[in-house]
Amino acid sequence: MIIDFQNIEEKVIENFRGGEKSLALRAYADADNKIMMGRLEPGASVGLHKHVGNSEIVYVISGSGKAVYNGETMRLEAGMCHYCPQDCEHTVINDGTEEIVFFAVVPEHK
């Protein structure tokens, strides 16, 4: 199977999960996984949220910012992967000067 994000409509979501500004997202989902390509402009964030019944893997393609994971703040740079296991909480914040482009997978735990 091939997922061509170029052929998936990009949706812009304001204040995603209570975050700042907007998240631009192209996503494919089935019963087992949500697979996404996203962008956060400078100053934008994904609101703090907990993963119940799933987890999330976020790979940063370009840009920089920070992740807050279970209360601990860590830097995110291009080439880094942030992992949020099931029953943990996190947010991603673009505190840089360029947009963050990322690839993310949310597998459902059954």
N, C-alpha and C. Protein backbone atom coordinates (compact mmCIF):
# COMPACT_ATOMS: atom_id res chain seq x y z
N MET A 1 0.85 -1.19 0.00
CA MET A 1 0.00 0.00 0.00
C MET A 1 0.89 1.24 0.00
N ILE A 2 0.50 2.23 -0.76
CA ILE A 2 1.19 3.52 -0.81
C ILE A 2 0.23 4.59 -0.31
N ILE A 3 0.72 5.45 0.56
CA ILE A 3 -0.05 6.61 1.01
C ILE A 3 0.67 7.82 0.44
N ASP A 4 0.04 8.49 -0.51
CA ASP A 4 0.62 9.66 -1.17
C ASP A 4 0.00 10.91 -0.56
N PHE A 5 0.72 11.52 0.37
CA PHE A 5 0.19 12.69 1.06
C PHE A 5 -0.07 13.85 0.10
N GLN A 6 0.61 13.88 -1.04
CA GLN A 6 0.39 14.94 -2.02
C GLN A 6 -1.03 14.87 -2.59
N ASN A 7 -1.63 13.68 -2.54
CA ASN A 7 -2.98 13.50 -3.07
C ASN A 7 -4.06 13.44 -1.98
N ILE A 8 -3.70 13.82 -0.77
CA ILE A 8 -4.67 13.89 0.33
C ILE A 8 -4.88 15.36 0.66
N GLU A 9 -6.12 15.77 0.72
CA GLU A 9 -6.44 17.17 1.00
C GLU A 9 -5.88 17.59 2.36
N GLU A 10 -5.22 18.73 2.38
CA GLU A 10 -4.71 19.27 3.63
C GLU A 10 -5.84 20.00 4.36
N LYS A 11 -6.01 19.68 5.63
CA LYS A 11 -7.01 20.35 6.46
C LYS A 11 -6.28 21.23 7.47
N VAL A 12 -6.77 22.43 7.64
CA VAL A 12 -6.20 23.34 8.63
C VAL A 12 -7.15 23.37 9.81
N ILE A 13 -6.61 23.00 10.97
CA ILE A 13 -7.41 22.90 12.19
C ILE A 13 -6.94 23.97 13.16
N GLU A 14 -7.82 24.88 13.50
CA GLU A 14 -7.49 25.95 14.46
C GLU A 14 -7.50 25.40 15.87
N ASN A 15 -6.53 25.81 16.66
CA ASN A 15 -6.46 25.48 18.09
C ASN A 15 -6.65 23.99 18.35
N PHE A 16 -5.92 23.14 17.60
CA PHE A 16 -6.05 21.68 17.72
C PHE A 16 -5.81 21.23 19.15
N ARG A 17 -6.80 20.56 19.72
CA ARG A 17 -6.76 20.05 21.10
C ARG A 17 -6.47 21.15 22.11
N GLY A 18 -6.88 22.38 21.77
CA GLY A 18 -6.67 23.52 22.68
C GLY A 18 -5.33 24.21 22.49
N GLY A 19 -4.61 23.86 21.43
CA GLY A 19 -3.31 24.47 21.17
C GLY A 19 -3.43 25.87 20.59
N GLU A 20 -2.30 26.45 20.32
CA GLU A 20 -2.21 27.80 19.75
C GLU A 20 -2.20 27.74 18.23
N LYS A 21 -2.76 28.75 17.61
CA LYS A 21 -2.77 28.92 16.16
C LYS A 21 -3.35 27.71 15.46
N SER A 22 -2.73 27.28 14.34
CA SER A 22 -3.34 26.20 13.55
C SER A 22 -2.35 25.08 13.23
N LEU A 23 -2.93 23.92 12.98
CA LEU A 23 -2.21 22.73 12.55
C LEU A 23 -2.70 22.40 11.15
N ALA A 24 -1.78 22.27 10.19
CA ALA A 24 -2.12 21.85 8.83
C ALA A 24 -1.82 20.36 8.76
N LEU A 25 -2.80 19.56 8.32
CA LEU A 25 -2.68 18.11 8.43
C LEU A 25 -3.21 17.40 7.20
N ARG A 26 -2.46 16.40 6.74
CA ARG A 26 -2.92 15.45 5.73
C ARG A 26 -2.88 14.10 6.43
N ALA A 27 -4.00 13.37 6.39
CA ALA A 27 -4.07 12.14 7.20
C ALA A 27 -4.77 11.01 6.47
N TYR A 28 -4.29 9.80 6.74
CA TYR A 28 -4.92 8.57 6.33
C TYR A 28 -5.24 7.81 7.61
N ALA A 29 -6.43 7.21 7.68
CA ALA A 29 -6.79 6.44 8.88
C ALA A 29 -7.56 5.20 8.49
N ASP A 30 -7.30 4.12 9.22
CA ASP A 30 -8.11 2.92 9.14
C ASP A 30 -8.37 2.46 10.58
N ALA A 31 -8.85 1.26 10.77
CA ALA A 31 -9.20 0.79 12.11
C ALA A 31 -7.98 0.59 13.01
N ASP A 32 -6.78 0.49 12.42
CA ASP A 32 -5.58 0.18 13.19
C ASP A 32 -4.63 1.35 13.42
N ASN A 33 -4.60 2.29 12.49
CA ASN A 33 -3.62 3.37 12.55
C ASN A 33 -4.15 4.67 11.96
N LYS A 34 -3.61 5.76 12.45
CA LYS A 34 -3.77 7.06 11.81
C LYS A 34 -2.36 7.48 11.41
N ILE A 35 -2.17 7.79 10.13
CA ILE A 35 -0.86 8.12 9.59
C ILE A 35 -0.96 9.53 9.02
N MET A 36 -0.09 10.43 9.49
CA MET A 36 -0.26 11.85 9.19
C MET A 36 1.03 12.53 8.77
N MET A 37 0.86 13.55 7.94
CA MET A 37 1.91 14.50 7.62
C MET A 37 1.36 15.86 8.04
N GLY A 38 2.10 16.57 8.89
CA GLY A 38 1.57 17.82 9.41
C GLY A 38 2.58 18.95 9.41
N ARG A 39 2.03 20.16 9.62
CA ARG A 39 2.85 21.36 9.69
C ARG A 39 2.35 22.25 10.83
N LEU A 40 3.28 22.78 11.60
CA LEU A 40 2.96 23.77 12.64
C LEU A 40 3.77 25.03 12.33
N GLU A 41 3.08 26.14 12.14
CA GLU A 41 3.77 27.41 11.89
C GLU A 41 4.43 27.90 13.17
N PRO A 42 5.38 28.83 13.07
CA PRO A 42 5.98 29.38 14.28
C PRO A 42 4.90 29.91 15.24
N GLY A 43 5.04 29.56 16.50
CA GLY A 43 4.08 29.99 17.51
C GLY A 43 2.89 29.05 17.68
N ALA A 44 2.77 28.05 16.81
CA ALA A 44 1.65 27.11 16.88
C ALA A 44 1.99 25.93 17.78
N SER A 45 0.95 25.28 18.28
CA SER A 45 1.15 24.09 19.11
C SER A 45 -0.05 23.16 18.99
N VAL A 46 0.21 21.92 19.36
CA VAL A 46 -0.85 20.93 19.55
C VAL A 46 -1.13 20.97 21.05
N GLY A 47 -2.38 21.10 21.43
CA GLY A 47 -2.71 21.17 22.85
C GLY A 47 -2.32 19.92 23.61
N LEU A 48 -2.04 20.09 24.89
CA LEU A 48 -1.69 18.97 25.77
C LEU A 48 -2.83 17.97 25.79
N HIS A 49 -2.51 16.70 25.52
CA HIS A 49 -3.53 15.65 25.52
C HIS A 49 -2.93 14.31 25.93
N LYS A 50 -3.79 13.42 26.39
CA LYS A 50 -3.37 12.09 26.85
C LYS A 50 -3.78 11.05 25.82
N HIS A 51 -2.91 10.07 25.61
CA HIS A 51 -3.21 8.97 24.68
C HIS A 51 -3.79 7.79 25.45
N VAL A 52 -5.07 7.57 25.28
CA VAL A 52 -5.78 6.47 25.92
C VAL A 52 -6.19 5.50 24.82
N GLY A 53 -5.71 4.27 24.89
CA GLY A 53 -6.04 3.28 23.87
C GLY A 53 -5.18 3.35 22.63
N ASN A 54 -4.22 4.29 22.61
CA ASN A 54 -3.29 4.40 21.50
C ASN A 54 -2.01 5.07 21.98
N SER A 55 -1.06 5.21 21.09
CA SER A 55 0.19 5.91 21.37
C SER A 55 0.48 6.80 20.16
N GLU A 56 1.58 7.53 20.18
CA GLU A 56 1.91 8.37 19.02
C GLU A 56 3.41 8.44 18.84
N ILE A 57 3.83 8.34 17.58
CA ILE A 57 5.22 8.50 17.18
C ILE A 57 5.27 9.71 16.26
N VAL A 58 6.10 10.70 16.57
CA VAL A 58 6.22 11.92 15.78
C VAL A 58 7.67 12.06 15.33
N TYR A 59 7.89 12.07 14.01
CA TYR A 59 9.23 12.24 13.44
C TYR A 59 9.30 13.63 12.82
N VAL A 60 10.26 14.44 13.24
CA VAL A 60 10.40 15.81 12.74
C VAL A 60 11.25 15.79 11.47
N ILE A 61 10.64 16.25 10.38
CA ILE A 61 11.32 16.31 9.08
C ILE A 61 12.13 17.60 8.95
N SER A 62 11.51 18.72 9.36
CA SER A 62 12.23 20.00 9.32
C SER A 62 11.67 20.92 10.39
N GLY A 63 12.47 21.92 10.73
CA GLY A 63 12.07 22.86 11.77
C GLY A 63 12.52 22.40 13.14
N SER A 64 12.16 23.18 14.15
CA SER A 64 12.53 22.84 15.52
C SER A 64 11.48 23.39 16.47
N GLY A 65 11.47 22.81 17.64
CA GLY A 65 10.51 23.23 18.67
C GLY A 65 10.75 22.42 19.91
N LYS A 66 9.68 22.14 20.63
CA LYS A 66 9.82 21.34 21.84
C LYS A 66 8.60 20.45 22.02
N ALA A 67 8.83 19.37 22.74
CA ALA A 67 7.76 18.48 23.15
C ALA A 67 7.71 18.54 24.67
N VAL A 68 6.52 18.54 25.22
CA VAL A 68 6.37 18.39 26.66
C VAL A 68 5.71 17.03 26.84
N TYR A 69 6.42 16.15 27.51
CA TYR A 69 6.00 14.75 27.68
C TYR A 69 5.93 14.44 29.17
N ASN A 70 4.71 14.16 29.66
CA ASN A 70 4.49 13.88 31.08
C ASN A 70 5.17 14.92 31.97
N GLY A 71 5.06 16.19 31.56
CA GLY A 71 5.58 17.30 32.35
C GLY A 71 7.03 17.66 32.10
N GLU A 72 7.75 16.85 31.32
CA GLU A 72 9.15 17.13 31.03
C GLU A 72 9.28 17.76 29.65
N THR A 73 9.99 18.88 29.57
CA THR A 73 10.19 19.58 28.31
C THR A 73 11.49 19.12 27.66
N MET A 74 11.41 18.81 26.36
CA MET A 74 12.60 18.39 25.62
C MET A 74 12.61 19.05 24.25
N ARG A 75 13.79 19.31 23.72
CA ARG A 75 13.95 19.93 22.41
C ARG A 75 13.64 18.93 21.31
N LEU A 76 13.07 19.43 20.23
CA LEU A 76 12.81 18.64 19.02
C LEU A 76 13.51 19.33 17.86
N GLU A 77 14.27 18.57 17.11
CA GLU A 77 14.98 19.08 15.94
C GLU A 77 14.73 18.13 14.77
N ALA A 78 14.97 18.61 13.57
CA ALA A 78 14.85 17.76 12.39
C ALA A 78 15.68 16.50 12.58
N GLY A 79 15.10 15.36 12.24
CA GLY A 79 15.78 14.09 12.38
C GLY A 79 15.50 13.39 13.69
N MET A 80 14.82 14.06 14.63
CA MET A 80 14.50 13.46 15.92
C MET A 80 13.10 12.86 15.89
N CYS A 81 12.91 11.85 16.72
CA CYS A 81 11.62 11.18 16.85
C CYS A 81 11.15 11.31 18.30
N HIS A 82 9.93 11.77 18.47
CA HIS A 82 9.31 11.87 19.80
C HIS A 82 8.26 10.76 19.90
N TYR A 83 8.29 10.03 21.00
CA TYR A 83 7.36 8.92 21.22
C TYR A 83 6.55 9.19 22.48
N CYS A 84 5.23 9.08 22.36
CA CYS A 84 4.33 9.22 23.50
C CYS A 84 3.58 7.89 23.67
N PRO A 85 3.97 7.07 24.66
CA PRO A 85 3.30 5.79 24.86
C PRO A 85 1.85 5.95 25.32
N GLN A 86 1.14 4.86 25.26
CA GLN A 86 -0.24 4.79 25.75
C GLN A 86 -0.29 5.26 27.21
N ASP A 87 -1.35 5.96 27.55
CA ASP A 87 -1.62 6.47 28.91
C ASP A 87 -0.66 7.57 29.35
N CYS A 88 0.04 8.18 28.41
CA CYS A 88 0.92 9.32 28.71
C CYS A 88 0.36 10.55 28.01
N GLU A 89 0.83 11.74 28.43
CA GLU A 89 0.34 12.97 27.80
C GLU A 89 1.51 13.75 27.22
N HIS A 90 1.15 14.53 26.18
CA HIS A 90 2.19 15.32 25.52
C HIS A 90 1.59 16.47 24.73
N THR A 91 2.48 17.35 24.32
CA THR A 91 2.17 18.43 23.40
C THR A 91 3.42 18.68 22.55
N VAL A 92 3.23 19.23 21.37
CA VAL A 92 4.34 19.67 20.51
C VAL A 92 4.13 21.16 20.28
N ILE A 93 5.21 21.93 20.48
CA ILE A 93 5.15 23.39 20.40
C ILE A 93 6.22 23.88 19.44
N ASN A 94 5.82 24.71 18.49
CA ASN A 94 6.80 25.32 17.59
C ASN A 94 7.21 26.66 18.19
N ASP A 95 8.35 26.66 18.87
CA ASP A 95 8.88 27.91 19.42
C ASP A 95 10.03 28.43 18.57
N GLY A 96 10.16 27.87 17.35
CA GLY A 96 11.21 28.28 16.43
C GLY A 96 10.75 29.37 15.48
N THR A 97 11.57 29.65 14.48
CA THR A 97 11.27 30.70 13.50
C THR A 97 10.81 30.15 12.16
N GLU A 98 10.87 28.83 11.99
CA GLU A 98 10.41 28.18 10.76
C GLU A 98 9.32 27.18 11.12
N GLU A 99 8.51 26.81 10.14
CA GLU A 99 7.47 25.83 10.45
C GLU A 99 8.10 24.47 10.75
N ILE A 100 7.43 23.70 11.58
CA ILE A 100 7.83 22.32 11.84
C ILE A 100 7.02 21.45 10.87
N VAL A 101 7.71 20.60 10.14
CA VAL A 101 7.06 19.62 9.29
C VAL A 101 7.34 18.26 9.93
N PHE A 102 6.29 17.47 10.12
CA PHE A 102 6.46 16.20 10.82
C PHE A 102 5.61 15.10 10.19
N PHE A 103 6.03 13.87 10.46
CA PHE A 103 5.31 12.66 10.08
C PHE A 103 4.93 11.99 11.40
N ALA A 104 3.68 11.56 11.53
CA ALA A 104 3.24 10.96 12.79
C ALA A 104 2.38 9.73 12.52
N VAL A 105 2.48 8.77 13.43
CA VAL A 105 1.65 7.56 13.38
C VAL A 105 1.04 7.37 14.75
N VAL A 106 -0.28 7.13 14.77
CA VAL A 106 -1.01 6.83 16.00
C VAL A 106 -1.60 5.43 15.84
N PRO A 107 -0.90 4.41 16.39
CA PRO A 107 -1.44 3.05 16.33
C PRO A 107 -2.46 2.81 17.45
N GLU A 108 -3.54 2.15 17.12
CA GLU A 108 -4.56 1.80 18.11
C GLU A 108 -4.12 0.54 18.83
N HIS A 109 -4.28 0.50 20.15
CA HIS A 109 -3.94 -0.66 20.95
C HIS A 109 -5.23 -1.40 21.27
N LYS A 110 -5.26 -2.66 20.92
CA LYS A 110 -6.49 -3.44 21.11
C LYS A 110 -6.31 -4.48 22.16
